[in-house]
């Protein structure tokens, strides 16, 4: 059994057995990997504190015949609000669930790893909903299945005026092509500008976005992702439940 070292962000944890956990980690060198952490849910286990969602960790992994397992782990960066604030947890979970569902195991992509590292401080310290949405949009750019927001998907014309947007067609439709899709809806210039700002956002800047445009962008991208993966995201269900509780 060979050991190897990793550095990565914990995307997901799944309990099994009495005290064990499967840890999904996105690493720069290996991409997304899954490792077993035996006994880590026991309070006195040295792995229990390190292997929490959203932690940036370094770890030593045992390479097994069927399943790799964590031998040792240390926290490089801990994000306290992502373990205490329920709304931040919900939106960070949404972003991470999308990354987990839409990436292949052991297929390293440095841009995705860098995006996770850039987004975590914003999720922890600033508006988590806005930060998660920016992260999702920028991740979709790397995924290769992003909607085309700035050129007509039929004729290729650059979108400069109010247009239409179609999820089934894969993006924007100019005025001449807008009638080809039954699911098309209005795509005004202010929303076009919001998408441009989101996709080109520098994580060192303040999250200065119009809330109405953010809510519209959220509905569009989550509906599109749901169509791609074929089912509703678990984190979306959790967010909707949270919104219902906050209204009551």
Protein backbone atom coordinates (compact mmCIF):
# COMPACT_ATOMS: atom_id res chain seq x y z
CA UNK A 1 0.00 0.00 0.00
CA UNK A 2 1.49 3.31 -1.10
CA UNK A 3 0.89 6.66 0.52
CA UNK A 4 0.50 9.98 -1.25
CA UNK A 5 0.00 13.53 -0.04
CA UNK A 6 -2.77 15.88 -1.06
CA UNK A 7 -3.89 19.44 -0.50
CA UNK A 8 -7.53 20.25 -1.19
CA UNK A 9 -10.96 21.56 -0.29
CA UNK A 10 -13.60 19.28 1.19
CA UNK A 11 -16.62 19.25 -1.14
CA UNK A 12 -18.78 16.65 0.56
CA UNK A 13 -18.92 14.27 3.50
CA UNK A 14 -21.08 11.14 3.75
CA UNK A 15 -21.41 9.08 6.92
CA UNK A 16 -21.31 5.29 6.85
CA UNK A 17 -21.15 2.71 9.58
CA UNK A 18 -21.02 3.77 13.22
CA UNK A 19 -18.17 6.24 13.03
CA UNK A 20 -16.85 6.37 9.46
CA UNK A 21 -17.14 8.94 6.71
CA UNK A 22 -16.52 9.18 2.95
CA UNK A 23 -14.74 12.47 2.20
CA UNK A 24 -14.91 14.04 -1.25
CA UNK A 25 -11.99 16.43 -1.77
CA UNK A 26 -11.12 18.64 -4.71
CA UNK A 27 -7.35 18.81 -5.09
CA UNK A 28 -5.10 20.66 -7.50
CA UNK A 29 -2.92 17.66 -8.38
CA UNK A 30 -5.51 14.87 -8.55
CA UNK A 31 -8.82 16.66 -9.18
CA UNK A 32 -11.78 15.26 -7.28
CA UNK A 33 -11.07 12.23 -5.12
CA UNK A 34 -13.03 10.18 -2.61
CA UNK A 35 -11.36 8.71 0.44
CA UNK A 36 -12.61 6.81 3.45
CA UNK A 37 -11.98 8.20 6.92
CA UNK A 38 -12.41 5.34 9.36
CA UNK A 39 -13.45 6.29 12.89
CA UNK A 40 -13.33 10.03 12.15
CA UNK A 41 -16.75 10.70 13.70
CA UNK A 42 -15.49 9.67 17.13
CA UNK A 43 -14.77 12.74 19.24
CA UNK A 44 -11.27 11.67 20.22
CA UNK A 45 -10.24 10.64 16.71
CA UNK A 46 -7.47 13.00 15.47
CA UNK A 47 -9.24 13.29 12.08
CA UNK A 48 -12.56 14.49 13.52
CA UNK A 49 -11.78 18.21 13.50
CA UNK A 50 -9.98 18.37 10.18
CA UNK A 51 -12.45 16.52 7.96
CA UNK A 52 -15.30 19.02 7.99
CA UNK A 53 -17.07 20.55 5.00
CA UNK A 54 -15.39 23.58 3.40
CA UNK A 55 -12.05 23.05 5.17
CA UNK A 56 -8.85 23.47 3.17
CA UNK A 57 -6.67 20.58 4.31
CA UNK A 58 -3.41 18.79 3.72
CA UNK A 59 -3.53 15.04 4.19
CA UNK A 60 -1.68 11.78 3.78
CA UNK A 61 -3.68 9.11 1.97
CA UNK A 62 -3.24 5.36 1.89
CA UNK A 63 -3.77 3.98 -1.62
CA UNK A 64 -5.88 0.83 -1.30
CA UNK A 65 -6.78 -1.90 -3.78
CA UNK A 66 -10.39 -0.69 -3.94
CA UNK A 67 -10.71 2.40 -1.74
CA UNK A 68 -8.17 4.96 -0.59
CA UNK A 69 -8.23 6.07 3.02
CA UNK A 70 -7.08 9.09 5.00
CA UNK A 71 -4.13 8.39 7.27
CA UNK A 72 -3.44 11.89 8.62
CA UNK A 73 -4.96 15.33 7.99
CA UNK A 74 -4.25 18.90 9.03
CA UNK A 75 -6.35 22.02 8.53
CA UNK A 76 -4.65 24.67 6.41
CA UNK A 77 -7.59 27.07 6.52
CA UNK A 78 -10.79 26.94 8.55
CA UNK A 79 -13.77 29.17 7.75
CA UNK A 80 -15.66 29.71 11.03
CA UNK A 81 -18.83 31.30 9.64
CA UNK A 82 -19.30 28.37 7.26
CA UNK A 83 -19.71 26.20 10.33
CA UNK A 84 -22.01 28.53 12.27
CA UNK A 85 -24.23 30.60 9.96
CA UNK A 86 -27.05 28.48 8.50
CA UNK A 87 -27.59 30.67 5.42
CA UNK A 88 -23.88 30.67 4.60
CA UNK A 89 -23.78 26.90 5.02
CA UNK A 90 -26.78 26.53 2.68
CA UNK A 91 -25.34 28.61 -0.16
CA UNK A 92 -21.81 27.27 0.18
CA UNK A 93 -23.32 23.77 0.06
CA UNK A 94 -25.20 24.71 -3.11
CA UNK A 95 -22.03 25.81 -4.88
CA UNK A 96 -20.05 22.80 -3.70
CA UNK A 97 -22.81 20.34 -4.62
CA UNK A 98 -22.83 21.70 -8.18
CA UNK A 99 -19.04 21.38 -8.42
CA UNK A 100 -19.21 17.85 -7.04
CA UNK A 101 -22.00 16.73 -9.39
CA UNK A 102 -20.48 18.28 -12.50
CA UNK A 103 -16.83 17.25 -12.20
CA UNK A 104 -15.24 13.92 -13.06
CA UNK A 105 -13.15 11.98 -10.51
CA UNK A 106 -9.37 12.24 -10.84
CA UNK A 107 -9.51 14.84 -13.60
CA UNK A 108 -7.54 17.80 -12.25
CA UNK A 109 -8.53 21.29 -13.41
CA UNK A 110 -6.47 24.05 -11.84
CA UNK A 111 -9.00 26.76 -12.70
CA UNK A 112 -11.69 25.00 -10.66
CA UNK A 113 -9.35 24.51 -7.72
CA UNK A 114 -8.34 28.18 -7.82
CA UNK A 115 -12.00 29.22 -8.01
CA UNK A 116 -12.82 27.24 -4.86
CA UNK A 117 -9.93 28.87 -3.00
CA UNK A 118 -10.95 32.37 -4.14
CA UNK A 119 -14.62 31.89 -3.28
CA UNK A 120 -14.28 30.47 0.23
CA UNK A 121 -13.28 33.73 1.99
CA UNK A 122 -16.17 35.54 0.27
CA UNK A 123 -18.63 32.81 1.25
CA UNK A 124 -17.37 33.00 4.83
CA UNK A 125 -17.09 36.76 5.29
CA UNK A 126 -19.47 38.39 2.80
CA UNK A 127 -22.92 37.81 1.27
CA UNK A 128 -22.94 34.05 0.80
CA UNK A 129 -25.81 34.04 -1.70
CA UNK A 130 -24.06 36.48 -4.02
CA UNK A 131 -20.69 34.76 -3.58
CA UNK A 132 -22.17 31.32 -4.29
CA UNK A 133 -23.95 32.57 -7.40
CA UNK A 134 -20.76 34.14 -8.77
CA UNK A 135 -18.92 30.92 -8.04
CA UNK A 136 -21.57 28.85 -9.82
CA UNK A 137 -21.55 31.04 -12.93
CA UNK A 138 -17.76 31.09 -13.13
CA UNK A 139 -17.60 27.32 -12.56
CA UNK A 140 -20.06 26.77 -15.40
CA UNK A 141 -17.68 28.67 -17.69
CA UNK A 142 -15.00 26.07 -16.91
CA UNK A 143 -17.46 23.15 -17.28
CA UNK A 144 -17.94 23.63 -21.01
CA UNK A 145 -21.74 23.62 -20.85
CA UNK A 146 -22.34 27.26 -19.94
CA UNK A 147 -25.17 29.17 -21.58
CA UNK A 148 -24.06 31.60 -24.28
CA UNK A 149 -25.08 34.97 -22.84
CA UNK A 150 -23.50 37.36 -25.32
CA UNK A 151 -23.97 35.92 -28.82
CA UNK A 152 -27.06 34.53 -30.52
CA UNK A 153 -26.86 30.74 -30.40
CA UNK A 154 -28.49 30.53 -33.85
CA UNK A 155 -26.87 33.18 -36.02
CA UNK A 156 -23.88 34.20 -33.89
CA UNK A 157 -24.80 37.87 -33.80
CA UNK A 158 -23.46 39.77 -30.79
CA UNK A 159 -26.23 40.63 -28.34
CA UNK A 160 -26.29 44.42 -27.89
CA UNK A 161 -29.98 45.16 -27.31
CA UNK A 162 -32.88 43.51 -25.49
CA UNK A 163 -33.10 39.91 -26.65
CA UNK A 164 -34.44 36.51 -25.61
CA UNK A 165 -32.90 33.66 -23.65
CA UNK A 166 -33.65 29.97 -24.10
CA UNK A 167 -32.40 27.18 -21.88
CA UNK A 168 -33.21 24.45 -24.40
CA UNK A 169 -31.37 26.30 -27.17
CA UNK A 170 -28.40 27.00 -24.92
CA UNK A 171 -28.43 30.76 -24.48
CA UNK A 172 -29.25 34.09 -26.04
CA UNK A 173 -31.38 34.63 -29.12
CA UNK A 174 -31.30 37.90 -31.05
CA UNK A 175 -34.53 39.63 -32.08
CA UNK A 176 -34.49 37.91 -35.47
CA UNK A 177 -34.08 34.44 -33.99
CA UNK A 178 -36.14 34.84 -30.82
CA UNK A 179 -39.15 32.98 -32.18
CA UNK A 180 -37.37 29.65 -32.74
CA UNK A 181 -37.63 28.49 -29.11
CA UNK A 182 -40.89 27.86 -27.28
CA UNK A 183 -39.26 28.30 -23.89
CA UNK A 184 -37.62 31.67 -24.67
CA UNK A 185 -38.12 34.55 -22.26
CA UNK A 186 -37.16 38.20 -22.13
CA UNK A 187 -33.45 38.95 -21.81
CA UNK A 188 -33.06 42.70 -21.18
CA UNK A 189 -29.83 44.65 -21.35
CA UNK A 190 -29.58 45.14 -17.60
CA UNK A 191 -29.54 41.34 -17.12
CA UNK A 192 -26.95 40.98 -19.88
CA UNK A 193 -24.76 43.49 -18.03
CA UNK A 194 -25.29 41.61 -14.75
CA UNK A 195 -24.13 38.35 -16.33
CA UNK A 196 -21.06 40.07 -17.75
CA UNK A 197 -20.22 41.52 -14.33
CA UNK A 198 -20.71 38.14 -12.62
CA UNK A 199 -18.60 36.20 -15.11
CA UNK A 200 -15.78 38.75 -15.00
CA UNK A 201 -15.93 39.36 -11.26
CA UNK A 202 -12.60 39.81 -9.49
CA UNK A 203 -12.83 38.13 -6.09
CA UNK A 204 -10.80 40.93 -4.53
CA UNK A 205 -13.67 43.36 -5.22
CA UNK A 206 -16.74 44.06 -3.09
CA UNK A 207 -19.92 42.11 -3.85
CA UNK A 208 -21.81 45.11 -5.16
CA UNK A 209 -24.74 43.64 -7.11
CA UNK A 210 -28.40 44.50 -7.63
CA UNK A 211 -30.45 42.05 -5.55
CA UNK A 212 -33.26 41.80 -8.11
CA UNK A 213 -30.79 40.89 -10.85
CA UNK A 214 -29.06 38.40 -8.55
CA UNK A 215 -32.39 36.68 -7.81
CA UNK A 216 -33.21 36.50 -11.53
CA UNK A 217 -29.76 35.14 -12.36
CA UNK A 218 -30.10 32.54 -9.61
CA UNK A 219 -33.42 31.25 -10.96
CA UNK A 220 -32.05 30.99 -14.50
CA UNK A 221 -28.80 29.18 -13.72
CA UNK A 222 -30.34 26.76 -11.18
CA UNK A 223 -33.13 25.85 -13.57
CA UNK A 224 -30.55 25.24 -16.30
CA UNK A 225 -28.33 23.11 -14.06
CA UNK A 226 -31.33 21.09 -12.93
CA UNK A 227 -32.12 20.32 -16.57
CA UNK A 228 -28.54 19.20 -17.14
CA UNK A 229 -28.31 16.85 -14.15
CA UNK A 230 -31.94 15.73 -14.38
CA UNK A 231 -32.95 16.29 -10.76
CA UNK A 232 -33.29 19.00 -8.15
CA UNK A 233 -30.20 19.72 -6.10
CA UNK A 234 -30.33 18.77 -2.42
CA UNK A 235 -29.04 22.18 -1.40
CA UNK A 236 -31.84 23.90 -3.36
CA UNK A 237 -34.40 21.98 -1.32
CA UNK A 238 -32.62 23.03 1.87
CA UNK A 239 -32.53 26.70 0.80
CA UNK A 240 -36.24 26.68 -0.02
CA UNK A 241 -37.02 25.19 3.40
CA UNK A 242 -34.86 27.84 5.02
CA UNK A 243 -36.65 30.63 3.13
CA UNK A 244 -40.01 29.25 4.24
CA UNK A 245 -38.92 29.21 7.87
CA UNK A 246 -37.62 32.78 7.63
CA UNK A 247 -40.95 33.99 6.25
CA UNK A 248 -42.95 32.40 9.08
